[in-house]
Amino acid sequence: MAETIVIGIFLILLIILQIKERREIIIYAKTSRIKRLLAVVLAIALLVIFWPASLVLQLRLVIVALMIVSVAFIKEGLSKKQLIKIGLLNGELSKFQLIQIEKQGSNNSFVTFYKNKSTSFSMFFDESPKMLQSYFIKNHLKVVLLEK
């Protein structure tokens, strides 16, 4: 039971730290409603299908369900000096070798951040490619703007 409580406390601390970091975002990435819906359905399905009789196991299952839902609802985007994305420990913009911006639709952008040859992160934004390009140039970053 003690380890379950410790895991729960660490999950709450992780969520609080994530929310604190998300307050710094100035340009938000586009979020998918389908991703959110699937996360909620998956969490509910896990709780319904695998609900155990033991209180300790119930708490562990609730913690896993909360982790799934939190990943879907935590916002991602760009702050003044870093990329904020789930699973990215050091998102300092200066660490990226190249940033590639592609126009998607009327006023949307698909941005790929290259750390090295084999590591890249991609995000959709509801901002124009020109606006994103000026943001990255202001931060002294190498940017490639691809026009269709």
N, C-alpha and C. Protein backbone atom coordinates (compact mmCIF):
# COMPACT_ATOMS: atom_id res chain seq x y z
N MET A 1 0.83 -1.20 0.00
CA MET A 1 0.00 0.00 0.00
C MET A 1 0.86 1.25 0.00
N ALA A 2 1.99 1.21 0.74
CA ALA A 2 2.87 2.37 0.83
C ALA A 2 3.45 2.75 -0.53
N GLU A 3 3.86 1.73 -1.30
CA GLU A 3 4.43 2.04 -2.62
C GLU A 3 3.38 2.62 -3.55
N THR A 4 2.14 2.22 -3.42
CA THR A 4 1.06 2.77 -4.24
C THR A 4 0.83 4.24 -3.90
N ILE A 5 0.90 4.57 -2.64
CA ILE A 5 0.73 5.97 -2.22
C ILE A 5 1.90 6.81 -2.73
N VAL A 6 3.11 6.29 -2.67
CA VAL A 6 4.28 7.01 -3.16
C VAL A 6 4.16 7.23 -4.67
N ILE A 7 3.73 6.22 -5.41
CA ILE A 7 3.54 6.36 -6.85
C ILE A 7 2.49 7.42 -7.14
N GLY A 8 1.42 7.42 -6.37
CA GLY A 8 0.36 8.44 -6.53
C GLY A 8 0.87 9.84 -6.26
N ILE A 9 1.67 9.98 -5.22
CA ILE A 9 2.25 11.29 -4.89
C ILE A 9 3.16 11.76 -6.01
N PHE A 10 3.99 10.86 -6.55
CA PHE A 10 4.88 11.23 -7.65
C PHE A 10 4.09 11.60 -8.90
N LEU A 11 2.98 10.92 -9.16
CA LEU A 11 2.15 11.27 -10.30
C LEU A 11 1.56 12.67 -10.12
N ILE A 12 1.08 12.98 -8.93
CA ILE A 12 0.53 14.31 -8.67
C ILE A 12 1.62 15.37 -8.83
N LEU A 13 2.83 15.10 -8.32
CA LEU A 13 3.94 16.04 -8.49
C LEU A 13 4.29 16.23 -9.96
N LEU A 14 4.29 15.15 -10.73
CA LEU A 14 4.57 15.23 -12.16
C LEU A 14 3.54 16.10 -12.87
N ILE A 15 2.29 15.90 -12.55
CA ILE A 15 1.22 16.69 -13.18
C ILE A 15 1.35 18.16 -12.79
N ILE A 16 1.67 18.44 -11.54
CA ILE A 16 1.85 19.84 -11.10
C ILE A 16 3.02 20.48 -11.83
N LEU A 17 4.14 19.76 -11.96
CA LEU A 17 5.29 20.30 -12.69
C LEU A 17 4.96 20.53 -14.17
N GLN A 18 4.20 19.61 -14.76
CA GLN A 18 3.80 19.77 -16.16
C GLN A 18 2.93 21.00 -16.33
N ILE A 19 1.98 21.20 -15.44
CA ILE A 19 1.09 22.36 -15.52
C ILE A 19 1.89 23.66 -15.35
N LYS A 20 2.85 23.66 -14.42
CA LYS A 20 3.69 24.84 -14.20
C LYS A 20 4.49 25.16 -15.46
N GLU A 21 5.06 24.14 -16.09
CA GLU A 21 5.84 24.35 -17.31
C GLU A 21 4.94 24.83 -18.45
N ARG A 22 3.72 24.35 -18.50
CA ARG A 22 2.79 24.72 -19.58
C ARG A 22 2.33 26.16 -19.51
N ARG A 23 2.46 26.80 -18.35
CA ARG A 23 2.08 28.21 -18.22
C ARG A 23 3.00 29.12 -19.02
N GLU A 24 4.19 28.64 -19.35
CA GLU A 24 5.16 29.43 -20.10
C GLU A 24 4.90 29.42 -21.61
N ILE A 25 4.01 28.60 -22.08
CA ILE A 25 3.76 28.47 -23.52
C ILE A 25 3.16 29.77 -24.06
N ILE A 26 3.75 30.25 -25.18
CA ILE A 26 3.20 31.44 -25.83
C ILE A 26 2.58 31.11 -27.19
N ILE A 27 3.04 30.03 -27.82
CA ILE A 27 2.44 29.55 -29.07
C ILE A 27 2.04 28.09 -28.85
N TYR A 28 0.73 27.83 -28.83
CA TYR A 28 0.23 26.49 -28.52
C TYR A 28 0.18 25.62 -29.77
N ALA A 29 0.53 24.35 -29.58
CA ALA A 29 0.40 23.38 -30.66
C ALA A 29 -1.06 22.96 -30.79
N LYS A 30 -1.41 22.53 -31.96
CA LYS A 30 -2.77 22.07 -32.22
C LYS A 30 -2.99 20.74 -31.50
N THR A 31 -4.13 20.59 -30.84
CA THR A 31 -4.42 19.34 -30.15
C THR A 31 -5.55 18.62 -30.86
N SER A 32 -5.50 17.32 -30.79
CA SER A 32 -6.48 16.49 -31.48
C SER A 32 -7.61 16.09 -30.52
N ARG A 33 -8.82 16.34 -30.93
CA ARG A 33 -9.97 15.92 -30.12
C ARG A 33 -10.09 14.40 -30.10
N ILE A 34 -9.69 13.78 -31.18
CA ILE A 34 -9.74 12.31 -31.26
C ILE A 34 -8.77 11.70 -30.25
N LYS A 35 -7.58 12.29 -30.12
CA LYS A 35 -6.60 11.81 -29.14
C LYS A 35 -7.17 11.89 -27.73
N ARG A 36 -7.81 13.00 -27.43
CA ARG A 36 -8.40 13.17 -26.10
C ARG A 36 -9.53 12.18 -25.86
N LEU A 37 -10.39 12.03 -26.84
CA LEU A 37 -11.51 11.10 -26.72
C LEU A 37 -11.01 9.66 -26.54
N LEU A 38 -10.03 9.26 -27.34
CA LEU A 38 -9.49 7.91 -27.22
C LEU A 38 -8.82 7.68 -25.87
N ALA A 39 -8.15 8.68 -25.34
CA ALA A 39 -7.51 8.53 -24.03
C ALA A 39 -8.56 8.33 -22.94
N VAL A 40 -9.63 9.10 -22.99
CA VAL A 40 -10.69 8.95 -21.99
C VAL A 40 -11.36 7.58 -22.12
N VAL A 41 -11.65 7.17 -23.36
CA VAL A 41 -12.29 5.85 -23.58
C VAL A 41 -11.36 4.74 -23.10
N LEU A 42 -10.07 4.85 -23.41
CA LEU A 42 -9.11 3.83 -22.98
C LEU A 42 -9.02 3.76 -21.46
N ALA A 43 -8.97 4.91 -20.81
CA ALA A 43 -8.89 4.93 -19.34
C ALA A 43 -10.13 4.31 -18.71
N ILE A 44 -11.30 4.66 -19.23
CA ILE A 44 -12.54 4.08 -18.70
C ILE A 44 -12.59 2.58 -18.96
N ALA A 45 -12.19 2.17 -20.16
CA ALA A 45 -12.18 0.74 -20.49
C ALA A 45 -11.24 -0.03 -19.56
N LEU A 46 -10.06 0.53 -19.30
CA LEU A 46 -9.13 -0.12 -18.37
C LEU A 46 -9.75 -0.28 -16.99
N LEU A 47 -10.42 0.77 -16.53
CA LEU A 47 -11.03 0.71 -15.20
C LEU A 47 -12.17 -0.31 -15.15
N VAL A 48 -12.97 -0.36 -16.20
CA VAL A 48 -14.12 -1.27 -16.21
C VAL A 48 -13.68 -2.72 -16.38
N ILE A 49 -12.79 -2.95 -17.33
CA ILE A 49 -12.39 -4.33 -17.66
C ILE A 49 -11.50 -4.95 -16.59
N PHE A 50 -10.55 -4.18 -16.08
CA PHE A 50 -9.56 -4.75 -15.17
C PHE A 50 -9.76 -4.37 -13.71
N TRP A 51 -10.94 -3.94 -13.30
CA TRP A 51 -11.18 -3.51 -11.92
C TRP A 51 -10.96 -4.67 -10.96
N PRO A 52 -9.96 -4.58 -10.08
CA PRO A 52 -9.67 -5.66 -9.14
C PRO A 52 -10.48 -5.52 -7.85
N ALA A 53 -10.41 -6.54 -7.02
CA ALA A 53 -11.13 -6.52 -5.74
C ALA A 53 -10.32 -5.81 -4.65
N SER A 54 -9.02 -5.85 -4.74
CA SER A 54 -8.13 -5.28 -3.73
C SER A 54 -8.03 -3.75 -3.88
N LEU A 55 -8.08 -3.04 -2.76
CA LEU A 55 -7.98 -1.58 -2.76
C LEU A 55 -6.65 -1.10 -3.32
N VAL A 56 -5.57 -1.78 -2.98
CA VAL A 56 -4.24 -1.39 -3.47
C VAL A 56 -4.19 -1.48 -4.99
N LEU A 57 -4.69 -2.59 -5.53
CA LEU A 57 -4.68 -2.75 -6.98
C LEU A 57 -5.63 -1.77 -7.66
N GLN A 58 -6.72 -1.41 -6.99
CA GLN A 58 -7.64 -0.41 -7.53
C GLN A 58 -6.95 0.95 -7.65
N LEU A 59 -6.21 1.32 -6.59
CA LEU A 59 -5.47 2.58 -6.63
C LEU A 59 -4.42 2.59 -7.74
N ARG A 60 -3.72 1.49 -7.92
CA ARG A 60 -2.72 1.40 -8.99
C ARG A 60 -3.37 1.56 -10.36
N LEU A 61 -4.52 0.93 -10.54
CA LEU A 61 -5.22 1.03 -11.82
C LEU A 61 -5.72 2.45 -12.07
N VAL A 62 -6.20 3.10 -11.04
CA VAL A 62 -6.64 4.49 -11.17
C VAL A 62 -5.45 5.39 -11.52
N ILE A 63 -4.29 5.14 -10.94
CA ILE A 63 -3.09 5.91 -11.25
C ILE A 63 -2.71 5.75 -12.72
N VAL A 64 -2.75 4.53 -13.23
CA VAL A 64 -2.44 4.30 -14.65
C VAL A 64 -3.45 5.02 -15.54
N ALA A 65 -4.73 4.95 -15.19
CA ALA A 65 -5.76 5.64 -15.97
C ALA A 65 -5.55 7.15 -15.95
N LEU A 66 -5.17 7.70 -14.81
CA LEU A 66 -4.89 9.14 -14.71
C LEU A 66 -3.69 9.54 -15.56
N MET A 67 -2.68 8.70 -15.61
CA MET A 67 -1.52 8.98 -16.45
C MET A 67 -1.91 9.04 -17.91
N ILE A 68 -2.75 8.12 -18.36
CA ILE A 68 -3.19 8.09 -19.75
C ILE A 68 -3.97 9.35 -20.09
N VAL A 69 -4.89 9.73 -19.22
CA VAL A 69 -5.71 10.91 -19.46
C VAL A 69 -4.87 12.18 -19.40
N SER A 70 -3.93 12.26 -18.47
CA SER A 70 -3.11 13.46 -18.35
C SER A 70 -2.25 13.69 -19.59
N VAL A 71 -1.73 12.62 -20.18
CA VAL A 71 -0.93 12.76 -21.39
C VAL A 71 -1.76 13.36 -22.53
N ALA A 72 -3.01 13.00 -22.62
CA ALA A 72 -3.86 13.50 -23.70
C ALA A 72 -4.28 14.95 -23.50
N PHE A 73 -4.37 15.42 -22.27
CA PHE A 73 -4.90 16.75 -22.01
C PHE A 73 -3.85 17.81 -21.70
N ILE A 74 -2.60 17.42 -21.50
CA ILE A 74 -1.55 18.40 -21.22
C ILE A 74 -1.17 19.09 -22.53
N LYS A 75 -1.10 20.40 -22.49
CA LYS A 75 -0.83 21.20 -23.68
C LYS A 75 0.65 21.17 -24.04
N GLU A 76 0.91 21.37 -25.34
CA GLU A 76 2.27 21.43 -25.86
C GLU A 76 2.41 22.70 -26.68
N GLY A 77 3.64 23.13 -26.88
CA GLY A 77 3.86 24.33 -27.68
C GLY A 77 5.25 24.90 -27.50
N LEU A 78 5.35 26.21 -27.78
CA LEU A 78 6.62 26.92 -27.71
C LEU A 78 6.57 28.01 -26.64
N SER A 79 7.61 28.06 -25.83
CA SER A 79 7.75 29.16 -24.88
C SER A 79 8.80 30.11 -25.46
N LYS A 80 9.26 31.04 -24.66
CA LYS A 80 10.24 32.01 -25.17
C LYS A 80 11.54 31.35 -25.62
N LYS A 81 11.99 30.34 -24.90
CA LYS A 81 13.30 29.74 -25.19
C LYS A 81 13.28 28.23 -25.37
N GLN A 82 12.11 27.58 -25.31
CA GLN A 82 12.13 26.13 -25.42
C GLN A 82 10.87 25.56 -26.04
N LEU A 83 11.02 24.34 -26.54
CA LEU A 83 9.91 23.55 -27.04
C LEU A 83 9.38 22.75 -25.86
N ILE A 84 8.09 22.84 -25.61
CA ILE A 84 7.47 22.13 -24.49
C ILE A 84 6.61 21.02 -25.07
N LYS A 85 7.05 19.78 -24.86
CA LYS A 85 6.39 18.62 -25.42
C LYS A 85 6.52 17.47 -24.45
N ILE A 86 5.49 16.66 -24.36
CA ILE A 86 5.52 15.51 -23.46
C ILE A 86 6.61 14.54 -23.91
N GLY A 87 7.44 14.10 -22.96
CA GLY A 87 8.50 13.16 -23.26
C GLY A 87 9.81 13.81 -23.66
N LEU A 88 9.82 15.12 -23.79
CA LEU A 88 11.03 15.85 -24.16
C LEU A 88 11.60 16.49 -22.90
N LEU A 89 12.77 16.01 -22.47
CA LEU A 89 13.35 16.49 -21.22
C LEU A 89 14.01 17.85 -21.37
N ASN A 90 14.77 18.04 -22.44
CA ASN A 90 15.47 19.31 -22.65
C ASN A 90 15.03 19.86 -24.00
N GLY A 91 14.09 20.77 -23.99
CA GLY A 91 13.56 21.31 -25.23
C GLY A 91 14.09 22.68 -25.57
N GLU A 92 15.28 23.02 -25.07
CA GLU A 92 15.85 24.33 -25.39
C GLU A 92 15.98 24.46 -26.90
N LEU A 93 15.47 25.57 -27.43
CA LEU A 93 15.47 25.78 -28.88
C LEU A 93 16.88 25.83 -29.44
N SER A 94 17.84 26.28 -28.65
CA SER A 94 19.22 26.37 -29.13
C SER A 94 19.83 24.98 -29.37
N LYS A 95 19.25 23.93 -28.84
CA LYS A 95 19.77 22.57 -29.00
C LYS A 95 19.40 21.96 -30.36
N PHE A 96 18.44 22.57 -31.07
CA PHE A 96 18.01 22.02 -32.35
C PHE A 96 18.89 22.52 -33.48
N GLN A 97 19.35 21.59 -34.33
CA GLN A 97 20.20 21.95 -35.45
C GLN A 97 19.43 22.64 -36.57
N LEU A 98 18.19 22.21 -36.76
CA LEU A 98 17.39 22.73 -37.86
C LEU A 98 15.91 22.67 -37.48
N ILE A 99 15.17 23.66 -37.93
CA ILE A 99 13.72 23.67 -37.75
C ILE A 99 13.10 23.86 -39.12
N GLN A 100 12.23 22.93 -39.47
CA GLN A 100 11.60 22.94 -40.79
C GLN A 100 10.12 23.26 -40.64
N ILE A 101 9.64 24.24 -41.40
CA ILE A 101 8.24 24.66 -41.33
C ILE A 101 7.58 24.38 -42.68
N GLU A 102 6.44 23.67 -42.63
CA GLU A 102 5.66 23.39 -43.83
C GLU A 102 4.27 23.97 -43.68
N LYS A 103 3.77 24.58 -44.74
CA LYS A 103 2.42 25.13 -44.72
C LYS A 103 1.43 23.98 -44.90
N GLN A 104 0.42 23.95 -44.05
CA GLN A 104 -0.63 22.93 -44.11
C GLN A 104 -1.98 23.63 -44.16
N GLY A 105 -2.66 23.56 -45.26
CA GLY A 105 -3.96 24.21 -45.36
C GLY A 105 -3.84 25.71 -45.46
N SER A 106 -4.87 26.41 -45.00
CA SER A 106 -4.91 27.86 -45.16
C SER A 106 -4.00 28.62 -44.20
N ASN A 107 -4.07 28.32 -42.92
CA ASN A 107 -3.28 29.06 -41.94
C ASN A 107 -2.69 28.15 -40.87
N ASN A 108 -2.35 26.93 -41.25
CA ASN A 108 -1.77 25.96 -40.31
C ASN A 108 -0.34 25.65 -40.74
N SER A 109 0.46 25.21 -39.77
CA SER A 109 1.86 24.88 -40.04
C SER A 109 2.22 23.56 -39.39
N PHE A 110 3.07 22.80 -40.09
CA PHE A 110 3.63 21.57 -39.56
C PHE A 110 5.11 21.83 -39.36
N VAL A 111 5.56 21.78 -38.10
CA VAL A 111 6.94 22.13 -37.78
C VAL A 111 7.67 20.88 -37.29
N THR A 112 8.86 20.65 -37.87
CA THR A 112 9.71 19.54 -37.46
C THR A 112 10.99 20.12 -36.86
N PHE A 113 11.32 19.68 -35.66
CA PHE A 113 12.51 20.13 -34.94
C PHE A 113 13.54 19.00 -35.00
N TYR A 114 14.71 19.26 -35.59
CA TYR A 114 15.76 18.25 -35.73
C TYR A 114 16.85 18.50 -34.70
N LYS A 115 17.04 17.52 -33.79
CA LYS A 115 18.14 17.61 -32.82
C LYS A 115 19.43 17.09 -33.43
N ASN A 116 19.34 15.99 -34.16
CA ASN A 116 20.46 15.43 -34.91
C ASN A 116 19.87 14.63 -36.07
N LYS A 117 20.69 13.84 -36.73
CA LYS A 117 20.21 13.11 -37.91
C LYS A 117 19.08 12.14 -37.61
N SER A 118 19.10 11.53 -36.45
CA SER A 118 18.13 10.48 -36.14
C SER A 118 17.04 10.89 -35.15
N THR A 119 17.11 12.11 -34.63
CA THR A 119 16.13 12.53 -33.63
C THR A 119 15.41 13.79 -34.09
N SER A 120 14.09 13.67 -34.21
CA SER A 120 13.29 14.84 -34.57
C SER A 120 11.93 14.77 -33.87
N PHE A 121 11.32 15.93 -33.72
CA PHE A 121 10.00 16.06 -33.10
C PHE A 121 9.15 16.90 -34.03
N SER A 122 7.88 16.54 -34.18
CA SER A 122 7.00 17.28 -35.07
C SER A 122 5.74 17.70 -34.34
N MET A 123 5.23 18.88 -34.73
CA MET A 123 4.01 19.42 -34.12
C MET A 123 3.24 20.23 -35.16
N PHE A 124 1.92 20.27 -34.99
CA PHE A 124 1.06 21.12 -35.80
C PHE A 124 0.76 22.39 -35.01
N PHE A 125 0.71 23.53 -35.72
CA PHE A 125 0.37 24.80 -35.10
C PHE A 125 -0.73 25.48 -35.91
N ASP A 126 -1.56 26.26 -35.23
CA ASP A 126 -2.60 27.05 -35.88
C ASP A 126 -2.08 28.44 -36.24
N GLU A 127 -0.83 28.54 -36.53
CA GLU A 127 -0.19 29.81 -36.87
C GLU A 127 0.34 29.74 -38.29
N SER A 128 0.49 30.90 -38.92
CA SER A 128 1.02 30.94 -40.28
C SER A 128 2.51 30.61 -40.27
N PRO A 129 3.01 30.02 -41.36
CA PRO A 129 4.44 29.71 -41.43
C PRO A 129 5.32 30.95 -41.30
N LYS A 130 4.87 32.08 -41.84
CA LYS A 130 5.66 33.31 -41.76
C LYS A 130 5.80 33.79 -40.31
N MET A 131 4.72 33.68 -39.54
CA MET A 131 4.78 34.10 -38.15
C MET A 131 5.72 33.19 -37.35
N LEU A 132 5.64 31.88 -37.59
CA LEU A 132 6.55 30.95 -36.91
C LEU A 132 8.00 31.19 -37.33
N GLN A 133 8.19 31.45 -38.61
CA GLN A 133 9.54 31.73 -39.09
C GLN A 133 10.13 32.95 -38.40
N SER A 134 9.35 34.01 -38.26
CA SER A 134 9.86 35.22 -37.59
C SER A 134 10.14 34.94 -36.11
N TYR A 135 9.32 34.09 -35.48
CA TYR A 135 9.56 33.72 -34.08
C TYR A 135 10.90 33.00 -33.94
N PHE A 136 11.18 32.05 -34.83
CA PHE A 136 12.43 31.29 -34.74
C PHE A 136 13.64 32.15 -35.10
N ILE A 137 13.50 33.01 -36.08
CA ILE A 137 14.61 33.88 -36.47
C ILE A 137 14.93 34.84 -35.33
N LYS A 138 13.90 35.30 -34.63
CA LYS A 138 14.11 36.19 -33.48
C LYS A 138 14.93 35.48 -32.39
N ASN A 139 14.80 34.16 -32.33
CA ASN A 139 15.57 33.37 -31.36
C ASN A 139 16.88 32.84 -31.94
N HIS A 140 17.29 33.39 -33.09
CA HIS A 140 18.58 33.07 -33.72
C HIS A 140 18.71 31.58 -34.07
N LEU A 141 17.68 31.05 -34.70
CA LEU A 141 17.69 29.63 -35.05
C LEU A 141 17.68 29.45 -36.57
N LYS A 142 18.25 28.34 -37.01
CA LYS A 142 18.28 28.03 -38.43
C LYS A 142 16.93 27.43 -38.83
N VAL A 143 16.23 28.11 -39.75
CA VAL A 143 14.88 27.72 -40.13
C VAL A 143 14.81 27.52 -41.63
N VAL A 144 14.10 26.46 -42.04
CA VAL A 144 13.81 26.22 -43.45
C VAL A 144 12.31 26.27 -43.61
N LEU A 145 11.85 27.15 -44.50
CA LEU A 145 10.43 27.30 -44.77
C LEU A 145 10.12 26.63 -46.09
N LEU A 146 9.29 25.58 -46.06
CA LEU A 146 8.94 24.85 -47.28
C LEU A 146 7.57 25.34 -47.77
N GLU A 147 7.53 25.80 -48.99
CA GLU A 147 6.27 26.25 -49.60
C GLU A 147 5.78 25.17 -50.54
N LYS A 148 4.46 25.00 -50.57
CA LYS A 148 3.88 24.03 -51.50
C LYS A 148 3.46 24.72 -52.78
